[in-house]
Amino acid sequence: MSGSSTTFSKLTNRVFPRMPDFYGLILDQCELANQTAALLEEYVQTGNKSRADQILKLEQDGEVLRQRNLDVLKNAFATPMDREDIYRAYVTVDCILNHAHSIVSEMDALQIKTDPYITDMTAALRNAVENLSDGYKKLASAPAESDKDAQLVFKARKNIEKTFRSALTQLFQGDKYIQMMQEKQAGAEAQAMSYVLDIFKRREIYRHLLDAAIDMKNAGKVLHDIVVQVA
């Protein structure tokens, strides 16, 4: 009897293969995203270049993991939600890895030191990644609760945009240098040029952080769309 049952199970699995744990696959990517966001925040706070190297390694690991998950999706017989939504979840969760790499690379290349705006935006971005991960963790067992986390991701994006605008307002305060040049103070032109260059460099970092927040909002929308489908 046991032998026939095993044979029947094998036959059933061939005709109707067991569904992969897509929730678990998404959470694997969320874990990498959480690690990356935490390292980014630490890099911004300390300037520790070893954290930048770790972020690069995680980005490479993320590429391998994303491709593995896409292969599983491609070969799956059935899915617990729309295939397009699973694909979008893979891609949007992964976006923070690319942004983190760009941010640390450019801060290093442009020799930009942190400031309160960069610190605040990075902390809010880390919180958004954690909220997204928490939402996906609840998706399989309590999908209705996941939408609360998606809303927190949306809120983080608004807060980062607000900080971004405040940062720009502060950044373009060059009256001091204009006055120095008008008074023909020694070294005024060199100081003004240095200030202008710093504006362009620092604005690049601010923009990267804002772009990361926008992509996190898109990731939150994917989570919201899945909740609507499966709740």
C-alpha atoms as a PDB file:
ATOM      1  CA  MET A   1       0.000   0.000   0.000  1.00  0.00           C
ATOM      2  CA  SER A   2       2.844   2.324   0.900  1.00  0.00           C
ATOM      3  CA  GLY A   3       4.600   1.605  -2.395  1.00  0.00           C
ATOM      4  CA  SER A   4       1.529   2.400  -4.463  1.00  0.00           C
ATOM      5  CA  SER A   5       1.016   5.612  -2.501  1.00  0.00           C
ATOM      6  CA  THR A   6       4.579   6.692  -3.259  1.00  0.00           C
ATOM      7  CA  THR A   7       4.123   5.878  -6.929  1.00  0.00           C
ATOM      8  CA  PHE A   8       0.898   7.867  -7.022  1.00  0.00           C
ATOM      9  CA  SER A   9       2.612  10.847  -5.340  1.00  0.00           C
ATOM     10  CA  LYS A  10       5.429  10.775  -7.883  1.00  0.00           C
ATOM     11  CA  LEU A  11       2.930  10.636 -10.731  1.00  0.00           C
ATOM     12  CA  THR A  12       0.907  13.491  -9.240  1.00  0.00           C
ATOM     13  CA  ASN A  13       4.011  15.619  -8.808  1.00  0.00           C
ATOM     14  CA  ARG A  14       4.901  15.084 -12.444  1.00  0.00           C
ATOM     15  CA  VAL A  15       1.475  16.143 -13.669  1.00  0.00           C
ATOM     16  CA  PHE A  16       0.954  18.856 -11.038  1.00  0.00           C
ATOM     17  CA  PRO A  17       4.409  19.913  -9.740  1.00  0.00           C
ATOM     18  CA  ARG A  18       4.550  21.287  -6.204  1.00  0.00           C
ATOM     19  CA  MET A  19       4.286  25.059  -6.129  1.00  0.00           C
ATOM     20  CA  PRO A  20       7.563  26.789  -5.167  1.00  0.00           C
ATOM     21  CA  ASP A  21       7.573  28.916  -2.013  1.00  0.00           C
ATOM     22  CA  PHE A  22       7.367  32.269  -3.769  1.00  0.00           C
ATOM     23  CA  TYR A  23       6.832  34.105  -0.492  1.00  0.00           C
ATOM     24  CA  GLY A  24      10.089  32.651   0.778  1.00  0.00           C
ATOM     25  CA  LEU A  25      11.914  33.580  -2.443  1.00  0.00           C
ATOM     26  CA  ILE A  26      10.814  37.203  -2.124  1.00  0.00           C
ATOM     27  CA  LEU A  27      11.908  37.220   1.530  1.00  0.00           C
ATOM     28  CA  ASP A  28      15.375  36.035   0.491  1.00  0.00           C
ATOM     29  CA  GLN A  29      15.677  39.213  -1.553  1.00  0.00           C
ATOM     30  CA  CYS A  30      14.215  41.295   1.271  1.00  0.00           C
ATOM     31  CA  GLU A  31      16.962  40.012   3.561  1.00  0.00           C
ATOM     32  CA  LEU A  32      19.656  41.202   1.155  1.00  0.00           C
ATOM     33  CA  ALA A  33      17.879  44.540   0.826  1.00  0.00           C
ATOM     34  CA  ASN A  34      17.783  44.938   4.619  1.00  0.00           C
ATOM     35  CA  GLN A  35      21.481  44.157   4.934  1.00  0.00           C
ATOM     36  CA  THR A  36      22.320  46.606   2.170  1.00  0.00           C
ATOM     37  CA  ALA A  37      20.246  49.452   3.625  1.00  0.00           C
ATOM     38  CA  ALA A  38      21.842  48.938   7.047  1.00  0.00           C
ATOM     39  CA  LEU A  39      25.343  48.987   5.538  1.00  0.00           C
ATOM     40  CA  LEU A  40      24.501  52.124   3.568  1.00  0.00           C
ATOM     41  CA  GLU A  41      23.382  53.897   6.721  1.00  0.00           C
ATOM     42  CA  GLU A  42      26.550  52.818   8.524  1.00  0.00           C
ATOM     43  CA  TYR A  43      28.730  53.973   5.623  1.00  0.00           C
ATOM     44  CA  VAL A  44      27.046  57.379   5.599  1.00  0.00           C
ATOM     45  CA  GLN A  45      27.515  57.738   9.338  1.00  0.00           C
ATOM     46  CA  THR A  46      31.122  56.540   9.549  1.00  0.00           C
ATOM     47  CA  GLY A  47      32.639  56.722   6.063  1.00  0.00           C
ATOM     48  CA  ASN A  48      33.968  53.190   6.593  1.00  0.00           C
ATOM     49  CA  LYS A  49      35.033  52.025   3.121  1.00  0.00           C
ATOM     50  CA  SER A  50      34.759  48.361   4.088  1.00  0.00           C
ATOM     51  CA  ARG A  51      31.004  48.897   4.168  1.00  0.00           C
ATOM     52  CA  ALA A  52      31.124  50.048   0.550  1.00  0.00           C
ATOM     53  CA  ASP A  53      32.934  46.815  -0.366  1.00  0.00           C
ATOM     54  CA  GLN A  54      30.276  44.796   1.446  1.00  0.00           C
ATOM     55  CA  ILE A  55      27.541  46.644  -0.444  1.00  0.00           C
ATOM     56  CA  LEU A  56      29.209  45.789  -3.753  1.00  0.00           C
ATOM     57  CA  LYS A  57      29.374  42.125  -2.725  1.00  0.00           C
ATOM     58  CA  LEU A  58      25.683  42.135  -1.750  1.00  0.00           C
ATOM     59  CA  GLU A  59      24.778  43.733  -5.073  1.00  0.00           C
ATOM     60  CA  GLN A  60      26.538  40.875  -6.869  1.00  0.00           C
ATOM     61  CA  ASP A  61      24.815  38.327  -4.623  1.00  0.00           C
ATOM     62  CA  GLY A  62      21.533  40.048  -5.394  1.00  0.00           C
ATOM     63  CA  GLU A  63      22.000  39.620  -9.123  1.00  0.00           C
ATOM     64  CA  VAL A  64      22.546  35.890  -8.671  1.00  0.00           C
ATOM     65  CA  LEU A  65      19.557  35.579  -6.327  1.00  0.00           C
ATOM     66  CA  ARG A  66      17.247  37.571  -8.576  1.00  0.00           C
ATOM     67  CA  GLN A  67      18.158  35.416 -11.581  1.00  0.00           C
ATOM     68  CA  ARG A  68      17.574  32.249  -9.548  1.00  0.00           C
ATOM     69  CA  ASN A  69      14.147  33.501  -8.525  1.00  0.00           C
ATOM     70  CA  LEU A  70      13.276  34.484 -12.086  1.00  0.00           C
ATOM     71  CA  ASP A  71      14.228  31.018 -13.289  1.00  0.00           C
ATOM     72  CA  VAL A  72      11.983  29.466 -10.639  1.00  0.00           C
ATOM     73  CA  LEU A  73       9.141  31.737 -11.735  1.00  0.00           C
ATOM     74  CA  LYS A  74       9.646  30.898 -15.394  1.00  0.00           C
ATOM     75  CA  ASN A  75       9.502  27.155 -14.739  1.00  0.00           C
ATOM     76  CA  ALA A  76       6.685  27.186 -12.181  1.00  0.00           C
ATOM     77  CA  PHE A  77       3.466  25.332 -13.029  1.00  0.00           C
ATOM     78  CA  ALA A  78       1.358  27.452 -10.665  1.00  0.00           C
ATOM     79  CA  THR A  79       1.788  30.608  -8.586  1.00  0.00           C
ATOM     80  CA  PRO A  80      -0.079  31.954  -5.521  1.00  0.00           C
ATOM     81  CA  MET A  81      -0.557  35.314  -7.241  1.00  0.00           C
ATOM     82  CA  ASP A  82      -0.245  36.860 -10.675  1.00  0.00           C
ATOM     83  CA  ARG A  83       3.103  36.054 -12.308  1.00  0.00           C
ATOM     84  CA  GLU A  84       3.604  39.671 -13.295  1.00  0.00           C
ATOM     85  CA  ASP A  85       3.246  40.758  -9.667  1.00  0.00           C
ATOM     86  CA  ILE A  86       5.837  38.215  -8.544  1.00  0.00           C
ATOM     87  CA  TYR A  87       8.195  39.491 -11.238  1.00  0.00           C
ATOM     88  CA  ARG A  88       7.608  43.088 -10.153  1.00  0.00           C
ATOM     89  CA  ALA A  89       8.234  42.131  -6.532  1.00  0.00           C
ATOM     90  CA  TYR A  90      11.599  40.586  -7.442  1.00  0.00           C
ATOM     91  CA  VAL A  91      12.690  43.622  -9.437  1.00  0.00           C
ATOM     92  CA  THR A  92      11.512  46.350  -7.061  1.00  0.00           C
ATOM     93  CA  VAL A  93      12.836  44.752  -3.862  1.00  0.00           C
ATOM     94  CA  ASP A  94      16.207  44.451  -5.575  1.00  0.00           C
ATOM     95  CA  CYS A  95      16.413  48.143  -6.540  1.00  0.00           C
ATOM     96  CA  ILE A  96      17.896  49.306  -3.218  1.00  0.00           C
ATOM     97  CA  LEU A  97      21.045  47.258  -3.881  1.00  0.00           C
ATOM     98  CA  ASN A  98      21.810  49.201  -7.049  1.00  0.00           C
ATOM     99  CA  HIS A  99      21.061  52.568  -5.466  1.00  0.00           C
ATOM    100  CA  ALA A 100      23.229  51.830  -2.440  1.00  0.00           C
ATOM    101  CA  HIS A 101      26.152  50.901  -4.660  1.00  0.00           C
ATOM    102  CA  SER A 102      25.768  54.114  -6.679  1.00  0.00           C
ATOM    103  CA  ILE A 103      25.552  56.265  -3.556  1.00  0.00           C
ATOM    104  CA  VAL A 104      28.642  54.899  -1.815  1.00  0.00           C
ATOM    105  CA  SER A 105      30.627  54.860  -5.071  1.00  0.00           C
ATOM    106  CA  GLU A 106      29.869  58.488  -5.854  1.00  0.00           C
ATOM    107  CA  MET A 107      30.386  59.702  -2.291  1.00  0.00           C
ATOM    108  CA  ASP A 108      33.813  58.081  -2.410  1.00  0.00           C
ATOM    109  CA  ALA A 109      34.704  59.262  -5.929  1.00  0.00           C
ATOM    110  CA  LEU A 110      33.493  62.833  -5.348  1.00  0.00           C
ATOM    111  CA  GLN A 111      34.912  62.892  -1.800  1.00  0.00           C
ATOM    112  CA  ILE A 112      31.606  63.978  -0.332  1.00  0.00           C
ATOM    113  CA  LYS A 113      31.343  63.862   3.425  1.00  0.00           C
ATOM    114  CA  THR A 114      28.008  63.258   5.053  1.00  0.00           C
ATOM    115  CA  ASP A 115      25.688  65.980   6.308  1.00  0.00           C
ATOM    116  CA  PRO A 116      22.450  65.913   8.353  1.00  0.00           C
ATOM    117  CA  TYR A 117      20.314  65.711   5.205  1.00  0.00           C
ATOM    118  CA  ILE A 118      22.155  62.698   3.812  1.00  0.00           C
ATOM    119  CA  THR A 119      22.014  61.043   7.229  1.00  0.00           C
ATOM    120  CA  ASP A 120      18.283  61.681   7.629  1.00  0.00           C
ATOM    121  CA  MET A 121      17.379  60.484   4.131  1.00  0.00           C
ATOM    122  CA  THR A 122      19.484  57.348   4.515  1.00  0.00           C
ATOM    123  CA  ALA A 123      17.854  56.502   7.857  1.00  0.00           C
ATOM    124  CA  ALA A 124      14.385  56.989   6.353  1.00  0.00           C
ATOM    125  CA  LEU A 125      15.371  54.803   3.402  1.00  0.00           C
ATOM    126  CA  ARG A 126      16.513  52.027   5.740  1.00  0.00           C
ATOM    127  CA  ASN A 127      13.188  52.235   7.572  1.00  0.00           C
ATOM    128  CA  ALA A 128      11.334  51.977   4.273  1.00  0.00           C
ATOM    129  CA  VAL A 129      13.263  48.833   3.344  1.00  0.00           C
ATOM    130  CA  GLU A 130      12.470  47.314   6.743  1.00  0.00           C
ATOM    131  CA  ASN A 131       8.783  48.182   6.364  1.00  0.00           C
ATOM    132  CA  LEU A 132       8.703  46.565   2.923  1.00  0.00           C
ATOM    133  CA  SER A 133      10.357  43.434   4.288  1.00  0.00           C
ATOM    134  CA  ASP A 134       7.908  43.306   7.214  1.00  0.00           C
ATOM    135  CA  GLY A 135       5.024  43.557   4.767  1.00  0.00           C
ATOM    136  CA  TYR A 136       6.224  40.625   2.706  1.00  0.00           C
ATOM    137  CA  LYS A 137       6.802  38.573   5.869  1.00  0.00           C
ATOM    138  CA  LYS A 138       3.117  38.959   6.750  1.00  0.00           C
ATOM    139  CA  LEU A 139       1.856  38.363   3.237  1.00  0.00           C
ATOM    140  CA  ALA A 140       1.442  34.592   3.433  1.00  0.00           C
ATOM    141  CA  SER A 141      -0.299  34.470   6.824  1.00  0.00           C
ATOM    142  CA  ALA A 142      -1.925  37.898   7.300  1.00  0.00           C
ATOM    143  CA  PRO A 143      -1.993  39.714   3.960  1.00  0.00           C
ATOM    144  CA  ALA A 144      -4.382  42.424   5.150  1.00  0.00           C
ATOM    145  CA  GLU A 145      -1.771  43.517   7.701  1.00  0.00           C
ATOM    146  CA  SER A 146       0.850  43.856   4.967  1.00  0.00           C
ATOM    147  CA  ASP A 147      -0.849  46.909   3.529  1.00  0.00           C
ATOM    148  CA  LYS A 148      -0.052  48.883   6.690  1.00  0.00           C
ATOM    149  CA  ASP A 149       3.623  48.327   5.957  1.00  0.00           C
ATOM    150  CA  ALA A 150       3.124  49.389   2.345  1.00  0.00           C
ATOM    151  CA  GLN A 151       1.589  52.637   3.593  1.00  0.00           C
ATOM    152  CA  LEU A 152       4.665  53.218   5.779  1.00  0.00           C
ATOM    153  CA  VAL A 153       6.838  52.857   2.676  1.00  0.00           C
ATOM    154  CA  PHE A 154       4.726  55.517   0.953  1.00  0.00           C
ATOM    155  CA  LYS A 155       5.120  57.785   3.975  1.00  0.00           C
ATOM    156  CA  ALA A 156       8.902  57.323   3.974  1.00  0.00           C
ATOM    157  CA  ARG A 157       9.028  58.471   0.371  1.00  0.00           C
ATOM    158  CA  LYS A 158       7.166  61.672   1.267  1.00  0.00           C
ATOM    159  CA  ASN A 159       9.482  62.329   4.212  1.00  0.00           C
ATOM    160  CA  ILE A 160      12.580  61.827   2.079  1.00  0.00           C
ATOM    161  CA  GLU A 161      11.229  64.164  -0.591  1.00  0.00           C
ATOM    162  CA  LYS A 162      10.573  66.780   2.092  1.00  0.00           C
ATOM    163  CA  THR A 163      14.131  66.435   3.395  1.00  0.00           C
ATOM    164  CA  PHE A 164      15.454  66.594  -0.167  1.00  0.00           C
ATOM    165  CA  ARG A 165      13.756  69.936  -0.764  1.00  0.00           C
ATOM    166  CA  SER A 166      15.051  71.304   2.530  1.00  0.00           C
ATOM    167  CA  ALA A 167      18.536  70.157   1.571  1.00  0.00           C
ATOM    168  CA  LEU A 168      18.358  71.980  -1.758  1.00  0.00           C
ATOM    169  CA  THR A 169      17.119  75.140  -0.079  1.00  0.00           C
ATOM    170  CA  GLN A 170      20.080  75.067   2.281  1.00  0.00           C
ATOM    171  CA  LEU A 171      22.517  74.096  -0.446  1.00  0.00           C
ATOM    172  CA  PHE A 172      21.820  77.094  -2.660  1.00  0.00           C
ATOM    173  CA  GLN A 173      22.690  79.694  -0.049  1.00  0.00           C
ATOM    174  CA  GLY A 174      25.580  81.512  -1.718  1.00  0.00           C
ATOM    175  CA  ASP A 175      25.002  85.089  -0.572  1.00  0.00           C
ATOM    176  CA  LYS A 176      28.140  84.984   1.574  1.00  0.00           C
ATOM    177  CA  TYR A 177      30.346  84.246  -1.413  1.00  0.00           C
ATOM    178  CA  ILE A 178      28.653  86.856  -3.574  1.00  0.00           C
ATOM    179  CA  GLN A 179      29.346  89.452  -0.910  1.00  0.00           C
ATOM    180  CA  MET A 180      32.961  88.312  -0.588  1.00  0.00           C
ATOM    181  CA  MET A 181      33.447  88.744  -4.322  1.00  0.00           C
ATOM    182  CA  GLN A 182      31.734  92.127  -4.332  1.00  0.00           C
ATOM    183  CA  GLU A 183      34.075  93.243  -1.567  1.00  0.00           C
ATOM    184  CA  LYS A 184      36.989  91.776  -3.514  1.00  0.00           C
ATOM    185  CA  GLN A 185      38.184  89.803  -0.541  1.00  0.00           C
ATOM    186  CA  ALA A 186      41.323  87.748  -1.002  1.00  0.00           C
ATOM    187  CA  GLY A 187      40.590  84.254  -2.308  1.00  0.00           C
ATOM    188  CA  ALA A 188      36.893  85.006  -2.777  1.00  0.00           C
ATOM    189  CA  GLU A 189      36.724  83.632  -6.320  1.00  0.00           C
ATOM    190  CA  ALA A 190      38.449  80.385  -5.377  1.00  0.00           C
ATOM    191  CA  GLN A 191      36.137  79.894  -2.396  1.00  0.00           C
ATOM    192  CA  ALA A 192      33.082  80.638  -4.525  1.00  0.00           C
ATOM    193  CA  MET A 193      34.171  78.134  -7.163  1.00  0.00           C
ATOM    194  CA  SER A 194      34.777  75.491  -4.489  1.00  0.00           C
ATOM    195  CA  TYR A 195      31.299  76.183  -3.127  1.00  0.00           C
ATOM    196  CA  VAL A 196      29.699  75.798  -6.573  1.00  0.00           C
ATOM    197  CA  LEU A 197      31.487  72.505  -7.173  1.00  0.00           C
ATOM    198  CA  ASP A 198      30.300  71.241  -3.793  1.00  0.00           C
ATOM    199  CA  ILE A 199      26.719  72.136  -4.761  1.00  0.00           C
ATOM    200  CA  PHE A 200      26.858  69.965  -7.878  1.00  0.00           C
ATOM    201  CA  LYS A 201      28.555  67.057  -6.113  1.00  0.00           C
ATOM    202  CA  ARG A 202      26.291  67.066  -3.091  1.00  0.00           C
ATOM    203  CA  ARG A 203      23.168  67.446  -5.190  1.00  0.00           C
ATOM    204  CA  GLU A 204      24.096  64.216  -6.996  1.00  0.00           C
ATOM    205  CA  ILE A 205      23.987  62.333  -3.699  1.00  0.00           C
ATOM    206  CA  TYR A 206      20.720  63.970  -2.676  1.00  0.00           C
ATOM    207  CA  ARG A 207      19.209  63.017  -6.027  1.00  0.00           C
ATOM    208  CA  HIS A 208      20.348  59.398  -5.719  1.00  0.00           C
ATOM    209  CA  LEU A 209      18.665  59.164  -2.321  1.00  0.00           C
ATOM    210  CA  LEU A 210      15.458  60.668  -3.683  1.00  0.00           C
ATOM    211  CA  ASP A 211      15.498  58.273  -6.649  1.00  0.00           C
ATOM    212  CA  ALA A 212      15.959  55.378  -4.230  1.00  0.00           C
ATOM    213  CA  ALA A 213      12.941  56.603  -2.260  1.00  0.00           C
ATOM    214  CA  ILE A 214      10.855  56.816  -5.437  1.00  0.00           C
ATOM    215  CA  ASP A 215      11.787  53.243  -6.335  1.00  0.00           C
ATOM    216  CA  MET A 216      10.946  52.130  -2.807  1.00  0.00           C
ATOM    217  CA  LYS A 217       7.540  53.735  -3.229  1.00  0.00           C
ATOM    218  CA  ASN A 218       7.110  51.659  -6.396  1.00  0.00           C
ATOM    219  CA  ALA A 219       8.103  48.581  -4.394  1.00  0.00           C
ATOM    220  CA  GLY A 220       5.483  49.472  -1.806  1.00  0.00           C
ATOM    221  CA  LYS A 221       2.877  49.805  -4.554  1.00  0.00           C
ATOM    222  CA  VAL A 222       3.702  46.304  -5.785  1.00  0.00           C
ATOM    223  CA  LEU A 223       3.186  44.993  -2.253  1.00  0.00           C
ATOM    224  CA  HIS A 224      -0.121  46.878  -2.050  1.00  0.00           C
ATOM    225  CA  ASP A 225      -1.271  45.451  -5.392  1.00  0.00           C
ATOM    226  CA  ILE A 226      -0.469  41.912  -4.237  1.00  0.00           C
ATOM    227  CA  VAL A 227      -2.361  42.474  -0.976  1.00  0.00           C
ATOM    228  CA  VAL A 228      -5.434  43.569  -2.958  1.00  0.00           C
ATOM    229  CA  GLN A 229      -5.155  40.380  -4.998  1.00  0.00           C
ATOM    230  CA  VAL A 230      -4.614  37.811  -2.244  1.00  0.00           C
ATOM    231  CA  ALA A 231      -6.234  39.314   0.871  1.00  0.00           C
END
